[in-house]
C-alpha atoms as a PDB file:
ATOM      1  CA  MET A   1     102.518  66.437  91.486  1.00  0.00           C
ATOM      2  CA  LYS A   2     102.791  68.210  94.713  1.00  0.00           C
ATOM      3  CA  PHE A   3     103.429  71.876  94.306  1.00  0.00           C
ATOM      4  CA  THR A   4     106.159  72.225  97.245  1.00  0.00           C
ATOM      5  CA  GLN A   5     107.518  75.305  98.840  1.00  0.00           C
ATOM      6  CA  ASP A   6     110.764  74.817  96.884  1.00  0.00           C
ATOM      7  CA  LYS A   7     108.655  74.746  93.552  1.00  0.00           C
ATOM      8  CA  LYS A   8     106.772  77.886  94.585  1.00  0.00           C
ATOM      9  CA  ILE A   9     110.013  79.631  95.444  1.00  0.00           C
ATOM     10  CA  THR A  10     111.665  78.690  92.019  1.00  0.00           C
ATOM     11  CA  LEU A  11     108.635  80.147  90.310  1.00  0.00           C
ATOM     12  CA  LEU A  12     108.966  83.319  92.184  1.00  0.00           C
ATOM     13  CA  GLN A  13     112.485  83.658  91.331  1.00  0.00           C
ATOM     14  CA  ILE A  14     111.821  83.137  87.447  1.00  0.00           C
ATOM     15  CA  ILE A  15     109.071  85.726  87.706  1.00  0.00           C
ATOM     16  CA  PHE A  16     111.423  88.206  89.542  1.00  0.00           C
ATOM     17  CA  VAL A  17     114.217  87.826  87.103  1.00  0.00           C
ATOM     18  CA  THR A  18     111.904  87.957  83.926  1.00  0.00           C
ATOM     19  CA  SER A  19     110.241  91.031  85.454  1.00  0.00           C
ATOM     20  CA  MET A  20     113.500  92.878  85.731  1.00  0.00           C
ATOM     21  CA  ILE A  21     114.447  91.886  82.193  1.00  0.00           C
ATOM     22  CA  LEU A  22     111.170  92.963  80.836  1.00  0.00           C
ATOM     23  CA  ALA A  23     111.224  96.130  82.677  1.00  0.00           C
ATOM     24  CA  ASN A  24     114.387  97.047  80.952  1.00  0.00           C
ATOM     25  CA  ILE A  25     112.892  96.083  77.380  1.00  0.00           C
ATOM     26  CA  VAL A  26     109.292  97.467  77.678  1.00  0.00           C
ATOM     27  CA  GLY A  27     110.458 100.473  79.615  1.00  0.00           C
ATOM     28  CA  ILE A  28     111.213 102.365  76.564  1.00  0.00           C
ATOM     29  CA  LYS A  29     107.537 102.787  75.802  1.00  0.00           C
ATOM     30  CA  ILE A  30     106.011 105.779  77.596  1.00  0.00           C
ATOM     31  CA  ILE A  31     102.238 105.742  78.549  1.00  0.00           C
ATOM     32  CA  ASN A  32      99.919 108.202  80.080  1.00  0.00           C
ATOM     33  CA  ILE A  33      98.227 107.500  83.355  1.00  0.00           C
ATOM     34  CA  ALA A  34      95.793 110.441  83.764  1.00  0.00           C
ATOM     35  CA  SER A  35      98.154 113.450  83.291  1.00  0.00           C
ATOM     36  CA  LEU A  36     101.313 111.539  84.139  1.00  0.00           C
ATOM     37  CA  SER A  37     103.599 110.118  81.546  1.00  0.00           C
ATOM     38  CA  VAL A  38     105.238 107.012  82.801  1.00  0.00           C
ATOM     39  CA  SER A  39     107.409 104.150  81.491  1.00  0.00           C
ATOM     40  CA  MET A  40     105.443 100.732  80.863  1.00  0.00           C
ATOM     41  CA  GLY A  41     108.040  99.240  83.231  1.00  0.00           C
ATOM     42  CA  ILE A  42     106.431 100.915  86.169  1.00  0.00           C
ATOM     43  CA  TRP A  43     104.062  98.107  86.380  1.00  0.00           C
ATOM     44  CA  LEU A  44     106.852  95.447  86.764  1.00  0.00           C
ATOM     45  CA  VAL A  45     108.682  97.244  89.554  1.00  0.00           C
ATOM     46  CA  PRO A  46     106.122  96.744  92.262  1.00  0.00           C
ATOM     47  CA  VAL A  47     106.135  92.911  91.300  1.00  0.00           C
ATOM     48  CA  ALA A  48     109.871  92.929  92.094  1.00  0.00           C
ATOM     49  CA  PHE A  49     109.518  94.480  95.657  1.00  0.00           C
ATOM     50  CA  LEU A  50     106.488  92.125  96.316  1.00  0.00           C
ATOM     51  CA  ILE A  51     108.626  89.130  95.522  1.00  0.00           C
ATOM     52  CA  THR A  52     111.714  90.268  97.472  1.00  0.00           C
ATOM     53  CA  ASP A  53     109.427  91.154 100.617  1.00  0.00           C
ATOM     54  CA  MET A  54     107.805  87.690 100.455  1.00  0.00           C
ATOM     55  CA  LEU A  55     111.017  85.783 100.088  1.00  0.00           C
ATOM     56  CA  THR A  56     112.814  87.667 102.690  1.00  0.00           C
ATOM     57  CA  GLU A  57     109.979  86.921 105.085  1.00  0.00           C
ATOM     58  CA  VAL A  58     110.169  83.128 104.414  1.00  0.00           C
ATOM     59  CA  LYS A  59     113.557  82.502 103.327  1.00  0.00           C
ATOM     60  CA  GLY A  60     115.625  85.208 104.826  1.00  0.00           C
ATOM     61  CA  ARG A  61     117.785  88.160 103.664  1.00  0.00           C
ATOM     62  CA  GLN A  62     120.929  86.174 102.256  1.00  0.00           C
ATOM     63  CA  PHE A  63     118.684  84.116 100.102  1.00  0.00           C
ATOM     64  CA  VAL A  64     117.310  87.148  98.439  1.00  0.00           C
ATOM     65  CA  ALA A  65     120.706  88.851  98.330  1.00  0.00           C
ATOM     66  CA  ASN A  66     121.829  85.951  95.992  1.00  0.00           C
ATOM     67  CA  LEU A  67     118.800  86.414  93.904  1.00  0.00           C
ATOM     68  CA  ILE A  68     119.496  90.226  93.452  1.00  0.00           C
ATOM     69  CA  TRP A  69     123.084  89.441  92.413  1.00  0.00           C
ATOM     70  CA  ALA A  70     121.896  86.775  90.042  1.00  0.00           C
ATOM     71  CA  THR A  71     119.378  89.055  88.576  1.00  0.00           C
ATOM     72  CA  SER A  72     121.981  91.864  88.055  1.00  0.00           C
ATOM     73  CA  ILE A  73     124.257  89.527  86.154  1.00  0.00           C
ATOM     74  CA  ALA A  74     121.174  88.505  84.010  1.00  0.00           C
ATOM     75  CA  LEU A  75     120.324  92.142  83.359  1.00  0.00           C
ATOM     76  CA  ILE A  76     124.042  92.802  82.079  1.00  0.00           C
ATOM     77  CA  PHE A  77     124.147  89.587  79.946  1.00  0.00           C
ATOM     78  CA  SER A  78     120.764  90.579  78.304  1.00  0.00           C
ATOM     79  CA  PHE A  79     122.184  94.138  77.565  1.00  0.00           C
ATOM     80  CA  ILE A  80     125.273  92.876  76.145  1.00  0.00           C
ATOM     81  CA  PHE A  81     123.591  90.262  73.884  1.00  0.00           C
ATOM     82  CA  ILE A  82     120.895  92.843  72.770  1.00  0.00           C
ATOM     83  CA  GLN A  83     123.518  95.238  71.835  1.00  0.00           C
ATOM     84  CA  ILE A  84     125.465  92.697  69.884  1.00  0.00           C
ATOM     85  CA  SER A  85     122.277  91.940  68.030  1.00  0.00           C
ATOM     86  CA  VAL A  86     121.913  95.405  67.071  1.00  0.00           C
ATOM     87  CA  TRP A  87     125.509  95.689  65.955  1.00  0.00           C
ATOM     88  CA  VAL A  88     125.464  92.544  63.812  1.00  0.00           C
ATOM     89  CA  SER A  89     124.614  93.145  60.072  1.00  0.00           C
ATOM     90  CA  PRO A  90     121.253  91.740  59.025  1.00  0.00           C
ATOM     91  CA  ALA A  91     120.427  89.129  56.439  1.00  0.00           C
ATOM     92  CA  GLU A  92     119.102  90.619  53.215  1.00  0.00           C
ATOM     93  CA  ARG A  93     115.710  88.899  53.656  1.00  0.00           C
ATOM     94  CA  PHE A  94     115.419  90.629  57.050  1.00  0.00           C
ATOM     95  CA  THR A  95     113.818  93.861  55.980  1.00  0.00           C
ATOM     96  CA  ASN A  96     112.919  95.187  59.549  1.00  0.00           C
ATOM     97  CA  ASN A  97     116.313  95.779  60.754  1.00  0.00           C
ATOM     98  CA  GLU A  98     115.716  99.612  61.175  1.00  0.00           C
ATOM     99  CA  ALA A  99     112.920  99.035  63.376  1.00  0.00           C
ATOM    100  CA  PHE A 100     114.666  96.318  65.435  1.00  0.00           C
ATOM    101  CA  VAL A 101     117.526  98.919  65.897  1.00  0.00           C
ATOM    102  CA  SER A 102     115.307 101.605  66.797  1.00  0.00           C
ATOM    103  CA  ILE A 103     113.504  99.444  69.384  1.00  0.00           C
ATOM    104  CA  PHE A 104     116.565  97.653  70.889  1.00  0.00           C
ATOM    105  CA  LYS A 105     119.287 100.277  70.639  1.00  0.00           C
ATOM    106  CA  THR A 106     119.506 101.184  74.212  1.00  0.00           C
ATOM    107  CA  SER A 107     121.405 104.148  75.797  1.00  0.00           C
ATOM    108  CA  SER A 108     124.290 102.566  77.856  1.00  0.00           C
ATOM    109  CA  ARG A 109     123.881 105.376  80.417  1.00  0.00           C
ATOM    110  CA  MET A 110     120.246 104.485  80.891  1.00  0.00           C
ATOM    111  CA  PHE A 111     121.071 100.800  81.444  1.00  0.00           C
ATOM    112  CA  ILE A 112     123.848 101.491  83.781  1.00  0.00           C
ATOM    113  CA  ALA A 113     121.524 103.661  85.666  1.00  0.00           C
ATOM    114  CA  SER A 114     118.921 101.124  85.679  1.00  0.00           C
ATOM    115  CA  VAL A 115     121.189  98.213  87.054  1.00  0.00           C
ATOM    116  CA  ILE A 116     122.750 100.502  89.748  1.00  0.00           C
ATOM    117  CA  ALA A 117     119.428 101.676  91.022  1.00  0.00           C
ATOM    118  CA  PHE A 118     117.896  98.236  90.969  1.00  0.00           C
ATOM    119  CA  ALA A 119     120.795  96.733  93.024  1.00  0.00           C
ATOM    120  CA  ILE A 120     120.959  99.494  95.680  1.00  0.00           C
ATOM    121  CA  SER A 121     117.263  99.922  95.952  1.00  0.00           C
ATOM    122  CA  GLN A 122     116.670  96.064  96.280  1.00  0.00           C
ATOM    123  CA  PHE A 123     119.507  95.578  98.785  1.00  0.00           C
ATOM    124  CA  HIS A 124     118.064  98.498 100.758  1.00  0.00           C
ATOM    125  CA  ASP A 125     114.645  96.929 100.672  1.00  0.00           C
ATOM    126  CA  ILE A 126     115.640  93.507 102.104  1.00  0.00           C
ATOM    127  CA  TRP A 127     117.894  95.162 104.771  1.00  0.00           C
ATOM    128  CA  ALA A 128     114.949  97.500 105.630  1.00  0.00           C
ATOM    129  CA  PHE A 129     112.494  94.555 105.660  1.00  0.00           C
ATOM    130  CA  GLY A 130     114.673  92.686 108.140  1.00  0.00           C
ATOM    131  CA  PHE A 131     115.385  95.753 110.110  1.00  0.00           C
ATOM    132  CA  TRP A 132     111.820  96.423 110.838  1.00  0.00           C
ATOM    133  CA  LYS A 133     111.106  92.643 111.206  1.00  0.00           C
ATOM    134  CA  LYS A 134     113.342  92.786 114.245  1.00  0.00           C
ATOM    135  CA  LYS A 135     112.052  95.958 115.744  1.00  0.00           C
ATOM    136  CA  THR A 136     108.359  94.632 115.384  1.00  0.00           C
ATOM    137  CA  LYS A 137     109.471  91.213 116.627  1.00  0.00           C
ATOM    138  CA  GLY A 138     108.017  89.836 113.492  1.00  0.00           C
ATOM    139  CA  LYS A 139     104.559  91.440 113.620  1.00  0.00           C
ATOM    140  CA  TYR A 140     102.884  94.122 111.707  1.00  0.00           C
ATOM    141  CA  LEU A 141     103.944  92.692 108.355  1.00  0.00           C
ATOM    142  CA  TRP A 142     101.772  95.602 106.611  1.00  0.00           C
ATOM    143  CA  LEU A 143     104.025  98.062 108.143  1.00  0.00           C
ATOM    144  CA  ARG A 144     107.308  96.334 107.317  1.00  0.00           C
ATOM    145  CA  ASN A 145     106.380  95.765 103.920  1.00  0.00           C
ATOM    146  CA  ASN A 146     105.293  99.409 103.243  1.00  0.00           C
ATOM    147  CA  LEU A 147     108.072 101.013 105.131  1.00  0.00           C
ATOM    148  CA  SER A 148     110.728  99.063 103.374  1.00  0.00           C
ATOM    149  CA  THR A 149     109.281  99.450 100.002  1.00  0.00           C
ATOM    150  CA  ILE A 150     108.308 103.073 100.065  1.00  0.00           C
ATOM    151  CA  VAL A 151     111.687 104.163 100.983  1.00  0.00           C
ATOM    152  CA  SER A 152     113.398 101.678  98.454  1.00  0.00           C
ATOM    153  CA  GLN A 153     111.245 102.992  95.669  1.00  0.00           C
ATOM    154  CA  PHE A 154     112.337 106.423  96.342  1.00  0.00           C
ATOM    155  CA  ILE A 155     115.926 105.344  96.193  1.00  0.00           C
ATOM    156  CA  ASP A 156     115.283 103.531  92.964  1.00  0.00           C
ATOM    157  CA  THR A 157     113.598 106.355  91.190  1.00  0.00           C
ATOM    158  CA  THR A 158     115.969 109.150  92.443  1.00  0.00           C
ATOM    159  CA  ILE A 159     119.163 107.120  91.499  1.00  0.00           C
ATOM    160  CA  PHE A 160     117.869 106.122  88.013  1.00  0.00           C
ATOM    161  CA  ILE A 161     116.563 109.615  87.099  1.00  0.00           C
ATOM    162  CA  PHE A 162     119.642 111.403  88.032  1.00  0.00           C
ATOM    163  CA  LEU A 163     122.166 108.823  86.643  1.00  0.00           C
ATOM    164  CA  ALA A 164     120.140 108.470  83.420  1.00  0.00           C
ATOM    165  CA  PHE A 165     119.114 112.010  82.617  1.00  0.00           C
ATOM    166  CA  TYR A 166     120.912 114.747  84.744  1.00  0.00           C
ATOM    167  CA  LYS A 167     122.536 117.107  82.298  1.00  0.00           C
ATOM    168  CA  VAL A 168     121.572 115.274  79.152  1.00  0.00           C
ATOM    169  CA  ALA A 169     120.315 118.662  77.874  1.00  0.00           C
ATOM    170  CA  PRO A 170     120.659 122.112  79.309  1.00  0.00           C
ATOM    171  CA  GLN A 171     117.105 122.061  80.945  1.00  0.00           C
ATOM    172  CA  PHE A 172     117.846 118.710  82.830  1.00  0.00           C
ATOM    173  CA  ASP A 173     119.440 120.468  85.854  1.00  0.00           C
ATOM    174  CA  PHE A 174     119.043 119.561  89.467  1.00  0.00           C
ATOM    175  CA  ALA A 175     115.657 121.117  89.911  1.00  0.00           C
ATOM    176  CA  PHE A 176     114.151 119.675  86.846  1.00  0.00           C
ATOM    177  CA  MET A 177     115.002 116.203  88.119  1.00  0.00           C
ATOM    178  CA  TRP A 178     112.754 116.570  90.866  1.00  0.00           C
ATOM    179  CA  HIS A 179     109.906 117.470  88.619  1.00  0.00           C
ATOM    180  CA  LEU A 180     110.755 114.062  86.876  1.00  0.00           C
ATOM    181  CA  ILE A 181     111.116 112.138  90.185  1.00  0.00           C
ATOM    182  CA  LEU A 182     108.182 113.357  92.289  1.00  0.00           C
ATOM    183  CA  PRO A 183     105.352 112.326  90.111  1.00  0.00           C
ATOM    184  CA  TYR A 184     106.803 109.001  89.119  1.00  0.00           C
ATOM    185  CA  TYR A 185     107.517 108.406  92.811  1.00  0.00           C
ATOM    186  CA  VAL A 186     104.038 109.118  93.789  1.00  0.00           C
ATOM    187  CA  MET A 187     102.755 106.656  91.377  1.00  0.00           C
ATOM    188  CA  LYS A 188     105.052 104.039  92.778  1.00  0.00           C
ATOM    189  CA  ILE A 189     103.841 104.582  96.434  1.00  0.00           C
ATOM    190  CA  ILE A 190     100.285 104.100  95.268  1.00  0.00           C
ATOM    191  CA  LEU A 191     101.159 100.854  93.622  1.00  0.00           C
ATOM    192  CA  ALA A 192     103.155  99.895  96.751  1.00  0.00           C
ATOM    193  CA  LEU A 193     100.312 100.424  98.985  1.00  0.00           C
ATOM    194  CA  ILE A 194      98.076  98.331  96.709  1.00  0.00           C
ATOM    195  CA  ASP A 195     100.177  95.325  96.792  1.00  0.00           C
ATOM    196  CA  THR A 196      99.970  94.991 100.720  1.00  0.00           C
ATOM    197  CA  PRO A 197      97.179  92.473 100.634  1.00  0.00           C
ATOM    198  CA  PHE A 198      99.117  90.392  97.862  1.00  0.00           C
ATOM    199  CA  VAL A 199     102.175  90.229 100.437  1.00  0.00           C
ATOM    200  CA  TYR A 200      99.934  88.520 103.012  1.00  0.00           C
ATOM    201  CA  LEU A 201      98.401  86.104 100.445  1.00  0.00           C
ATOM    202  CA  GLY A 202     101.843  85.278  98.952  1.00  0.00           C
ATOM    203  CA  ILE A 203     103.413  84.537 102.145  1.00  0.00           C
ATOM    204  CA  LYS A 204     100.458  82.301 103.232  1.00  0.00           C
ATOM    205  CA  TRP A 205     100.621  80.396  99.802  1.00  0.00           C
ATOM    206  CA  LEU A 206     104.467  79.856 100.443  1.00  0.00           C
ATOM    207  CA  ARG A 207     103.835  78.486 103.839  1.00  0.00           C
ATOM    208  CA  LYS A 208     100.860  76.512 102.933  1.00  0.00           C
ATOM    209  CA  ASN A 209     101.058  72.704 104.159  1.00  0.00           C
ATOM    210  CA  ASN A 210     103.096  73.783 107.286  1.00  0.00           C
ATOM    211  CA  GLU A 211     106.310  74.376 105.532  1.00  0.00           C
ATOM    212  CA  PRO A 212     109.085  75.452 108.044  1.00  0.00           C
ATOM    213  CA  ASP A 213     109.713  79.083 108.541  1.00  0.00           C
ATOM    214  CA  LEU A 214     113.262  79.730 107.494  1.00  0.00           C
ATOM    215  CA  SER A 215     113.261  83.525 107.793  1.00  0.00           C
ATOM    216  CA  THR A 216     115.680  83.369 110.666  1.00  0.00           C
ATOM    217  CA  ARG A 217     118.532  82.444 108.191  1.00  0.00           C
ATOM    218  CA  HIS A 218     120.230  85.609 107.355  1.00  0.00           C
END
């Protein structure tokens, strides 16, 4: 079976949607990286930006915009169904309901913050990637990838932290928000820089077998 460009793109779309749903599920687990405490979901965010940059380069901005909208709908559907699952009374033989509720009872405020941050940052990313592509006349992929992703990651982190945690407790004031944002953002920048070679490899993989470049379709 020939692994055509269409099949490769479908695979990337599946990974993108799955990564975003997983980021909201496993994101409740906090891990330590050196002295920094971060969400487990931090490892999935660079995957999303990597995929959107690859697809924007090959398929164009409108194609990826449709994917972002579809993913936002998938996130909302997942959240609603999970909350229904938490609310429904368990069967008597299901003895782990307390653990289930503890894990999956997500704050609505955090979820709304996550979806808004995701949508705004991703739309900015594909816009910025296209903007820099025009400015560089399609050259300097490494620069376009990093400029768009680094700014978009800042937007994502800032919007999420403020919407999710601002004033949830007296100490969570404006200044304290930046103590949460900056270390998290630095970690995201490092991951964004690391993914640069994978952007080149991914685009080369998508265009293998001389598939046409559809990136002019916006």
